[in-house]
Amino acid sequence: MSRDEMDRALKARFVPALRQLGFKGSLPHFRRQRDDRIDLLTVQFDRHGGGFIVELSQCGVEGITTHWGKFVSASTVTAHDLHPSQRHRLGSPEPNKDHWFRFDDGTQPTAVADLLCAHIDEAELWWATR
């Protein structure tokens, strides 16, 4: 299956699920403004093709200052702006472990997108407990 097919499936199934939860943005970066925080989600495709990870993070409502001193505003911050220790890979069985959503194994892109949607509760729990 191609990356274009996967993008179409994510846009048709996963992005609407994020919108229902109040997220703004477009592939690959999404953010949700809360009263006390910003929830972040980034989709990162494998550079060799066939899979992707979804990274979660969050920051304060003012944005962040990186460890090298660069300020990133709340309206432009992404999960990748935060240190890896402040991120979680959706579907990972434990912290600092990878979990890849694969579409190069014959799984239809719509099935992969549906699987990703099934992990939304995990994401909500992770954001709520930070």
N, C-alpha and C. Protein backbone atom coordinates (compact mmCIF):
# COMPACT_ATOMS: atom_id res chain seq x y z
N MET A 1 0.84 -1.18 0.00
CA MET A 1 0.00 0.00 0.00
C MET A 1 0.89 1.25 0.00
N SER A 2 0.40 2.30 -0.61
CA SER A 2 1.21 3.50 -0.75
C SER A 2 0.98 4.50 0.38
N ARG A 3 1.93 5.38 0.51
CA ARG A 3 1.83 6.46 1.50
C ARG A 3 0.61 7.33 1.19
N ASP A 4 0.35 7.61 -0.09
CA ASP A 4 -0.82 8.41 -0.46
C ASP A 4 -2.11 7.76 0.01
N GLU A 5 -2.20 6.42 -0.14
CA GLU A 5 -3.38 5.71 0.32
C GLU A 5 -3.52 5.80 1.84
N MET A 6 -2.39 5.72 2.54
CA MET A 6 -2.42 5.83 4.00
C MET A 6 -2.83 7.23 4.42
N ASP A 7 -2.29 8.25 3.75
CA ASP A 7 -2.68 9.63 4.06
C ASP A 7 -4.19 9.81 3.87
N ARG A 8 -4.72 9.29 2.78
CA ARG A 8 -6.16 9.42 2.52
C ARG A 8 -6.98 8.73 3.61
N ALA A 9 -6.55 7.56 4.03
CA ALA A 9 -7.27 6.84 5.09
C ALA A 9 -7.21 7.60 6.41
N LEU A 10 -6.05 8.15 6.75
CA LEU A 10 -5.94 8.93 7.99
C LEU A 10 -6.83 10.16 7.93
N LYS A 11 -6.83 10.84 6.79
CA LYS A 11 -7.66 12.05 6.65
C LYS A 11 -9.15 11.72 6.70
N ALA A 12 -9.52 10.55 6.20
CA ALA A 12 -10.93 10.16 6.18
C ALA A 12 -11.42 9.62 7.52
N ARG A 13 -10.54 8.99 8.30
CA ARG A 13 -10.98 8.30 9.52
C ARG A 13 -10.38 8.86 10.81
N PHE A 14 -9.08 9.09 10.83
CA PHE A 14 -8.43 9.52 12.07
C PHE A 14 -8.59 11.02 12.32
N VAL A 15 -8.38 11.82 11.30
CA VAL A 15 -8.49 13.28 11.48
C VAL A 15 -9.89 13.68 11.96
N PRO A 16 -10.97 13.14 11.39
CA PRO A 16 -12.30 13.49 11.94
C PRO A 16 -12.46 13.11 13.42
N ALA A 17 -11.87 11.99 13.83
CA ALA A 17 -11.94 11.59 15.24
C ALA A 17 -11.21 12.61 16.11
N LEU A 18 -10.07 13.11 15.63
CA LEU A 18 -9.35 14.15 16.38
C LEU A 18 -10.16 15.44 16.44
N ARG A 19 -10.78 15.81 15.36
CA ARG A 19 -11.61 17.03 15.31
C ARG A 19 -12.74 16.95 16.35
N GLN A 20 -13.35 15.77 16.47
CA GLN A 20 -14.43 15.59 17.46
C GLN A 20 -13.93 15.82 18.88
N LEU A 21 -12.63 15.61 19.09
CA LEU A 21 -12.03 15.81 20.41
C LEU A 21 -11.50 17.23 20.60
N GLY A 22 -11.66 18.07 19.60
CA GLY A 22 -11.26 19.47 19.72
C GLY A 22 -9.88 19.79 19.18
N PHE A 23 -9.26 18.88 18.43
CA PHE A 23 -7.93 19.14 17.89
C PHE A 23 -8.02 19.99 16.64
N LYS A 24 -7.02 20.83 16.48
CA LYS A 24 -6.84 21.64 15.28
C LYS A 24 -5.51 21.24 14.66
N GLY A 25 -5.33 21.61 13.40
CA GLY A 25 -4.10 21.29 12.69
C GLY A 25 -4.38 20.38 11.52
N SER A 26 -3.31 19.91 10.91
CA SER A 26 -3.43 18.99 9.77
C SER A 26 -2.23 18.06 9.81
N LEU A 27 -2.35 16.96 9.08
CA LEU A 27 -1.24 16.01 9.08
C LEU A 27 0.05 16.75 8.75
N PRO A 28 1.09 16.57 9.52
CA PRO A 28 1.27 15.56 10.57
C PRO A 28 1.08 16.09 11.99
N HIS A 29 0.79 17.39 12.18
CA HIS A 29 0.79 17.99 13.53
C HIS A 29 -0.60 18.47 13.95
N PHE A 30 -0.97 18.10 15.18
CA PHE A 30 -2.25 18.51 15.75
C PHE A 30 -2.04 19.04 17.16
N ARG A 31 -2.89 19.98 17.56
CA ARG A 31 -2.84 20.51 18.92
C ARG A 31 -4.25 20.79 19.40
N ARG A 32 -4.43 20.64 20.72
CA ARG A 32 -5.71 20.93 21.36
C ARG A 32 -5.44 21.83 22.55
N GLN A 33 -6.02 23.00 22.51
CA GLN A 33 -5.87 23.97 23.60
C GLN A 33 -6.82 23.61 24.72
N ARG A 34 -6.29 23.50 25.91
CA ARG A 34 -7.08 23.30 27.14
C ARG A 34 -6.87 24.53 28.00
N ASP A 35 -7.62 24.65 29.08
CA ASP A 35 -7.45 25.81 29.97
C ASP A 35 -6.06 25.85 30.57
N ASP A 36 -5.50 24.68 30.90
CA ASP A 36 -4.24 24.62 31.62
C ASP A 36 -3.10 23.98 30.84
N ARG A 37 -3.34 23.58 29.59
CA ARG A 37 -2.29 22.89 28.82
C ARG A 37 -2.66 22.85 27.35
N ILE A 38 -1.68 22.40 26.56
CA ILE A 38 -1.90 22.13 25.15
C ILE A 38 -1.53 20.67 24.92
N ASP A 39 -2.47 19.88 24.41
CA ASP A 39 -2.21 18.48 24.06
C ASP A 39 -1.71 18.45 22.63
N LEU A 40 -0.66 17.67 22.39
CA LEU A 40 0.00 17.62 21.08
C LEU A 40 0.03 16.20 20.55
N LEU A 41 -0.10 16.08 19.24
CA LEU A 41 -0.04 14.78 18.58
C LEU A 41 0.64 14.99 17.23
N THR A 42 1.63 14.17 16.94
CA THR A 42 2.35 14.24 15.66
C THR A 42 2.45 12.85 15.06
N VAL A 43 2.15 12.76 13.77
CA VAL A 43 2.30 11.52 13.01
C VAL A 43 3.62 11.63 12.25
N GLN A 44 4.49 10.64 12.44
CA GLN A 44 5.79 10.64 11.76
C GLN A 44 5.93 9.35 10.96
N PHE A 45 6.01 9.52 9.64
CA PHE A 45 6.13 8.36 8.75
C PHE A 45 7.58 7.88 8.71
N ASP A 46 7.71 6.57 8.56
CA ASP A 46 9.01 5.92 8.37
C ASP A 46 9.62 6.44 7.08
N ARG A 47 10.85 6.91 7.15
CA ARG A 47 11.47 7.46 5.94
C ARG A 47 11.67 6.41 4.86
N HIS A 48 11.64 5.14 5.25
CA HIS A 48 11.78 4.05 4.28
C HIS A 48 10.42 3.57 3.79
N GLY A 49 9.35 4.14 4.34
CA GLY A 49 8.00 3.81 3.90
C GLY A 49 7.39 2.65 4.67
N GLY A 50 6.08 2.55 4.56
CA GLY A 50 5.37 1.39 5.08
C GLY A 50 4.88 1.46 6.51
N GLY A 51 5.17 2.54 7.22
CA GLY A 51 4.72 2.63 8.60
C GLY A 51 4.84 4.03 9.15
N PHE A 52 4.29 4.21 10.34
CA PHE A 52 4.37 5.50 11.01
C PHE A 52 4.23 5.30 12.51
N ILE A 53 4.70 6.29 13.24
CA ILE A 53 4.48 6.35 14.68
C ILE A 53 3.61 7.56 14.96
N VAL A 54 2.99 7.55 16.12
CA VAL A 54 2.22 8.70 16.58
C VAL A 54 2.77 9.09 17.93
N GLU A 55 3.28 10.30 18.01
CA GLU A 55 3.86 10.78 19.27
C GLU A 55 2.92 11.77 19.93
N LEU A 56 2.76 11.58 21.24
CA LEU A 56 1.95 12.46 22.07
C LEU A 56 2.86 13.29 22.95
N SER A 57 2.45 14.50 23.23
CA SER A 57 3.14 15.32 24.22
C SER A 57 2.17 16.38 24.68
N GLN A 58 2.62 17.23 25.58
CA GLN A 58 1.83 18.37 26.00
C GLN A 58 2.75 19.42 26.59
N CYS A 59 2.23 20.64 26.62
CA CYS A 59 3.00 21.74 27.19
C CYS A 59 2.04 22.73 27.81
N GLY A 60 2.61 23.74 28.47
CA GLY A 60 1.80 24.78 29.06
C GLY A 60 1.15 25.65 28.00
N VAL A 61 0.16 26.43 28.41
CA VAL A 61 -0.61 27.24 27.47
C VAL A 61 0.20 28.36 26.83
N GLU A 62 1.36 28.65 27.39
CA GLU A 62 2.20 29.72 26.84
C GLU A 62 3.15 29.23 25.75
N GLY A 63 3.23 27.92 25.53
CA GLY A 63 4.19 27.36 24.60
C GLY A 63 5.39 26.84 25.38
N ILE A 64 6.54 26.73 24.72
CA ILE A 64 7.73 26.20 25.39
C ILE A 64 8.97 26.99 25.01
N THR A 65 9.97 26.83 25.82
CA THR A 65 11.32 27.27 25.46
C THR A 65 12.16 25.99 25.42
N THR A 66 12.76 25.74 24.27
CA THR A 66 13.56 24.53 24.09
C THR A 66 14.78 24.56 25.00
N HIS A 67 15.44 23.41 25.14
CA HIS A 67 16.62 23.35 26.00
C HIS A 67 17.77 24.18 25.43
N TRP A 68 17.70 24.59 24.16
CA TRP A 68 18.73 25.46 23.60
C TRP A 68 18.29 26.92 23.57
N GLY A 69 17.12 27.22 24.18
CA GLY A 69 16.71 28.60 24.37
C GLY A 69 15.76 29.19 23.35
N LYS A 70 15.30 28.40 22.40
CA LYS A 70 14.36 28.90 21.39
C LYS A 70 12.93 28.85 21.93
N PHE A 71 12.21 29.98 21.84
CA PHE A 71 10.82 30.00 22.26
C PHE A 71 9.94 29.52 21.10
N VAL A 72 9.00 28.60 21.40
CA VAL A 72 8.04 28.10 20.43
C VAL A 72 6.65 28.43 20.99
N SER A 73 5.90 29.23 20.26
CA SER A 73 4.61 29.70 20.75
C SER A 73 3.58 28.58 20.81
N ALA A 74 2.53 28.82 21.57
CA ALA A 74 1.45 27.86 21.70
C ALA A 74 0.78 27.56 20.37
N SER A 75 0.78 28.51 19.46
CA SER A 75 0.10 28.31 18.18
C SER A 75 0.94 27.53 17.16
N THR A 76 2.23 27.31 17.46
CA THR A 76 3.08 26.59 16.51
C THR A 76 3.79 25.38 17.11
N VAL A 77 3.70 25.17 18.41
CA VAL A 77 4.40 24.06 19.05
C VAL A 77 3.87 22.72 18.54
N THR A 78 4.78 21.77 18.38
CA THR A 78 4.43 20.41 17.98
C THR A 78 5.05 19.44 18.99
N ALA A 79 4.63 18.20 18.95
CA ALA A 79 5.20 17.19 19.85
C ALA A 79 6.71 17.09 19.67
N HIS A 80 7.19 17.27 18.46
CA HIS A 80 8.62 17.14 18.20
C HIS A 80 9.45 18.27 18.78
N ASP A 81 8.80 19.35 19.20
CA ASP A 81 9.54 20.44 19.84
C ASP A 81 9.93 20.09 21.27
N LEU A 82 9.26 19.11 21.85
CA LEU A 82 9.56 18.71 23.22
C LEU A 82 10.58 17.59 23.24
N HIS A 83 11.32 17.53 24.32
CA HIS A 83 12.35 16.50 24.48
C HIS A 83 11.70 15.12 24.41
N PRO A 84 12.39 14.12 23.84
CA PRO A 84 11.83 12.77 23.76
C PRO A 84 11.34 12.21 25.10
N SER A 85 11.96 12.63 26.20
CA SER A 85 11.52 12.15 27.51
C SER A 85 10.14 12.70 27.89
N GLN A 86 9.67 13.70 27.15
CA GLN A 86 8.37 14.31 27.41
C GLN A 86 7.32 13.88 26.39
N ARG A 87 7.61 12.79 25.67
CA ARG A 87 6.70 12.28 24.63
C ARG A 87 6.35 10.82 24.92
N HIS A 88 5.27 10.41 24.31
CA HIS A 88 4.84 9.01 24.40
C HIS A 88 4.46 8.55 23.00
N ARG A 89 4.91 7.37 22.62
CA ARG A 89 4.52 6.79 21.34
C ARG A 89 3.25 5.97 21.54
N LEU A 90 2.21 6.40 20.88
CA LEU A 90 0.92 5.76 21.01
C LEU A 90 1.03 4.28 20.65
N GLY A 91 0.46 3.43 21.50
CA GLY A 91 0.51 1.99 21.28
C GLY A 91 1.68 1.31 21.94
N SER A 92 2.63 2.08 22.48
CA SER A 92 3.81 1.48 23.11
C SER A 92 3.41 0.79 24.41
N PRO A 93 3.96 -0.38 24.65
CA PRO A 93 3.60 -1.11 25.86
C PRO A 93 4.18 -0.49 27.12
N GLU A 94 5.23 0.32 26.98
CA GLU A 94 5.86 0.96 28.12
C GLU A 94 6.62 2.20 27.64
N PRO A 95 6.98 3.10 28.57
CA PRO A 95 7.70 4.31 28.17
C PRO A 95 8.99 4.00 27.41
N ASN A 96 9.32 4.88 26.49
CA ASN A 96 10.56 4.80 25.70
C ASN A 96 10.65 3.57 24.81
N LYS A 97 9.52 2.99 24.46
CA LYS A 97 9.47 1.87 23.52
C LYS A 97 8.77 2.32 22.25
N ASP A 98 9.20 1.76 21.14
CA ASP A 98 8.59 2.07 19.86
C ASP A 98 7.31 1.28 19.66
N HIS A 99 6.42 1.86 18.90
CA HIS A 99 5.27 1.13 18.36
C HIS A 99 4.98 1.72 17.00
N TRP A 100 5.06 0.90 15.99
CA TRP A 100 4.83 1.35 14.62
C TRP A 100 3.48 0.83 14.14
N PHE A 101 2.74 1.70 13.49
CA PHE A 101 1.54 1.32 12.78
C PHE A 101 2.00 1.01 11.35
N ARG A 102 1.86 -0.24 10.92
CA ARG A 102 2.40 -0.69 9.63
C ARG A 102 1.29 -0.83 8.59
N PHE A 103 1.62 -0.44 7.36
CA PHE A 103 0.72 -0.66 6.23
C PHE A 103 1.46 -1.29 5.06
N ASP A 104 2.66 -1.79 5.31
CA ASP A 104 3.43 -2.47 4.27
C ASP A 104 3.37 -3.99 4.42
N ASP A 105 2.48 -4.46 5.25
CA ASP A 105 2.36 -5.90 5.51
C ASP A 105 1.07 -6.48 4.92
N GLY A 106 0.44 -5.73 4.03
CA GLY A 106 -0.81 -6.18 3.42
C GLY A 106 -2.05 -5.67 4.12
N THR A 107 -1.89 -5.04 5.28
CA THR A 107 -3.04 -4.47 5.98
C THR A 107 -3.55 -3.27 5.20
N GLN A 108 -4.84 -3.21 5.00
CA GLN A 108 -5.44 -2.09 4.28
C GLN A 108 -5.28 -0.79 5.07
N PRO A 109 -4.99 0.31 4.41
CA PRO A 109 -4.83 1.60 5.11
C PRO A 109 -6.04 1.98 5.97
N THR A 110 -7.25 1.66 5.51
CA THR A 110 -8.42 1.98 6.33
C THR A 110 -8.41 1.18 7.64
N ALA A 111 -7.94 -0.06 7.59
CA ALA A 111 -7.85 -0.88 8.80
C ALA A 111 -6.79 -0.32 9.75
N VAL A 112 -5.69 0.18 9.20
CA VAL A 112 -4.64 0.79 10.04
C VAL A 112 -5.19 2.06 10.68
N ALA A 113 -5.90 2.87 9.90
CA ALA A 113 -6.49 4.10 10.45
C ALA A 113 -7.50 3.77 11.54
N ASP A 114 -8.30 2.73 11.34
CA ASP A 114 -9.26 2.31 12.37
C ASP A 114 -8.55 1.83 13.63
N LEU A 115 -7.44 1.09 13.46
CA LEU A 115 -6.65 0.65 14.60
C LEU A 115 -6.12 1.85 15.38
N LEU A 116 -5.64 2.84 14.65
CA LEU A 116 -5.16 4.06 15.30
C LEU A 116 -6.29 4.73 16.08
N CYS A 117 -7.48 4.80 15.50
CA CYS A 117 -8.63 5.39 16.21
C CYS A 117 -8.93 4.63 17.50
N ALA A 118 -8.70 3.32 17.49
CA ALA A 118 -8.95 2.51 18.69
C ALA A 118 -8.00 2.86 19.83
N HIS A 119 -6.90 3.56 19.51
CA HIS A 119 -5.93 3.96 20.54
C HIS A 119 -6.21 5.36 21.11
N ILE A 120 -7.28 6.00 20.69
CA ILE A 120 -7.56 7.36 21.17
C ILE A 120 -7.77 7.38 22.68
N ASP A 121 -8.42 6.37 23.24
CA ASP A 121 -8.61 6.34 24.69
C ASP A 121 -7.27 6.30 25.41
N GLU A 122 -6.31 5.55 24.86
CA GLU A 122 -4.96 5.51 25.45
C GLU A 122 -4.35 6.91 25.44
N ALA A 123 -4.52 7.62 24.34
CA ALA A 123 -3.98 8.98 24.24
C ALA A 123 -4.64 9.90 25.26
N GLU A 124 -5.95 9.83 25.36
CA GLU A 124 -6.66 10.69 26.31
C GLU A 124 -6.20 10.42 27.75
N LEU A 125 -6.01 9.16 28.08
CA LEU A 125 -5.53 8.81 29.43
C LEU A 125 -4.13 9.36 29.64
N TRP A 126 -3.25 9.24 28.65
CA TRP A 126 -1.89 9.75 28.78
C TRP A 126 -1.89 11.26 29.01
N TRP A 127 -2.65 12.01 28.21
CA TRP A 127 -2.71 13.46 28.39
C TRP A 127 -3.29 13.83 29.76
N ALA A 128 -4.30 13.11 30.21
CA ALA A 128 -4.97 13.43 31.48
C ALA A 128 -4.10 13.16 32.69
N THR A 129 -3.12 12.28 32.57
CA THR A 129 -2.32 11.90 33.74
C THR A 129 -0.93 12.54 33.76
N ARG A 130 -0.66 13.49 32.92
CA ARG A 130 0.64 14.18 32.94
C ARG A 130 0.63 15.27 33.96
